């Protein structure tokens, strides 16, 4: 009986710890960032992205906006990503 009680207490404690860690650390998918596209060393366009996007060669694909299904932007060339704090 004592073993079952200790096991139950351990499981409840572990669940609470895991749940609190999941709430305290933001998901990398939900981090907003600024994406800038350059031409000749000058910024020609910038976007506030809702994620870091995906890289395919020199092409970056990322989401913008606050909609449940945000539009995707595809850029090619020289670009940078700055995490927004």
Protein backbone atom coordinates (compact mmCIF):
# COMPACT_ATOMS: atom_id res chain seq x y z
CA UNK A 1 0.00 0.00 0.00
CA UNK A 2 2.84 2.35 0.88
CA UNK A 3 4.59 1.59 -2.43
CA UNK A 4 1.46 2.46 -4.42
CA UNK A 5 1.08 5.71 -2.50
CA UNK A 6 4.73 6.69 -3.14
CA UNK A 7 4.46 5.75 -6.81
CA UNK A 8 1.29 7.82 -7.18
CA UNK A 9 2.91 10.76 -5.42
CA UNK A 10 5.95 10.48 -7.69
CA UNK A 11 3.82 10.37 -10.85
CA UNK A 12 1.77 13.39 -9.79
CA UNK A 13 4.95 15.34 -8.96
CA UNK A 14 6.52 14.43 -12.31
CA UNK A 15 3.39 15.56 -14.18
CA UNK A 16 3.36 18.89 -12.35
CA UNK A 17 7.04 19.49 -13.14
CA UNK A 18 6.66 18.63 -16.82
CA UNK A 19 3.53 20.79 -17.12
CA UNK A 20 5.20 23.80 -15.46
CA UNK A 21 8.27 23.51 -17.69
CA UNK A 22 6.09 23.36 -20.79
CA UNK A 23 4.26 26.52 -19.76
CA UNK A 24 7.37 28.48 -18.78
CA UNK A 25 9.44 27.97 -21.93
CA UNK A 26 8.01 29.46 -25.13
CA UNK A 27 7.87 27.25 -28.14
CA UNK A 28 10.35 28.15 -30.89
CA UNK A 29 7.48 27.92 -33.34
CA UNK A 30 5.73 30.82 -31.59
CA UNK A 31 8.65 33.21 -31.50
CA UNK A 32 8.12 36.33 -33.54
CA UNK A 33 11.01 37.62 -35.57
CA UNK A 34 11.87 40.23 -38.18
CA UNK A 35 12.84 38.95 -41.63
CA UNK A 36 14.74 41.35 -43.89
CA UNK A 37 15.46 40.98 -47.60
CA UNK A 38 18.54 42.76 -48.95
CA UNK A 39 19.62 43.98 -52.39
CA UNK A 40 23.06 45.51 -52.76
CA UNK A 41 23.50 45.72 -49.01
CA UNK A 42 20.29 47.70 -48.50
CA UNK A 43 17.05 46.43 -46.96
CA UNK A 44 14.38 46.34 -49.69
CA UNK A 45 11.60 44.68 -47.67
CA UNK A 46 10.99 43.49 -44.12
CA UNK A 47 8.29 41.35 -42.51
CA UNK A 48 7.23 40.43 -38.98
CA UNK A 49 7.17 36.65 -39.10
CA UNK A 50 5.40 34.38 -36.63
CA UNK A 51 8.13 31.74 -36.85
CA UNK A 52 11.71 31.27 -38.00
CA UNK A 53 10.56 29.67 -41.24
CA UNK A 54 12.11 26.91 -43.29
CA UNK A 55 15.22 27.18 -45.47
CA UNK A 56 15.43 25.46 -48.85
CA UNK A 57 18.77 26.34 -50.47
CA UNK A 58 18.76 30.15 -50.62
CA UNK A 59 14.97 30.36 -50.31
CA UNK A 60 13.27 31.13 -47.00
CA UNK A 61 9.60 30.32 -46.46
CA UNK A 62 7.89 31.84 -43.40
CA UNK A 63 4.44 32.81 -42.07
CA UNK A 64 3.20 36.37 -41.47
CA UNK A 65 0.12 37.77 -39.79
CA UNK A 66 -2.06 36.75 -36.88
CA UNK A 67 -4.66 34.68 -38.71
CA UNK A 68 -5.30 31.07 -37.65
CA UNK A 69 -3.88 30.08 -41.06
CA UNK A 70 -1.31 32.83 -41.72
CA UNK A 71 -0.15 33.45 -45.29
CA UNK A 72 3.26 32.07 -46.26
CA UNK A 73 5.94 34.29 -47.80
CA UNK A 74 8.73 32.90 -49.98
CA UNK A 75 11.89 34.97 -50.51
CA UNK A 76 15.09 34.19 -52.38
CA UNK A 77 18.45 35.90 -52.15
CA UNK A 78 20.20 37.58 -49.26
CA UNK A 79 18.07 37.70 -46.13
CA UNK A 80 18.42 37.88 -42.36
CA UNK A 81 16.30 36.83 -39.39
CA UNK A 82 16.32 38.76 -36.12
CA UNK A 83 14.51 37.38 -33.08
CA UNK A 84 12.06 39.88 -31.68
CA UNK A 85 12.27 40.27 -27.90
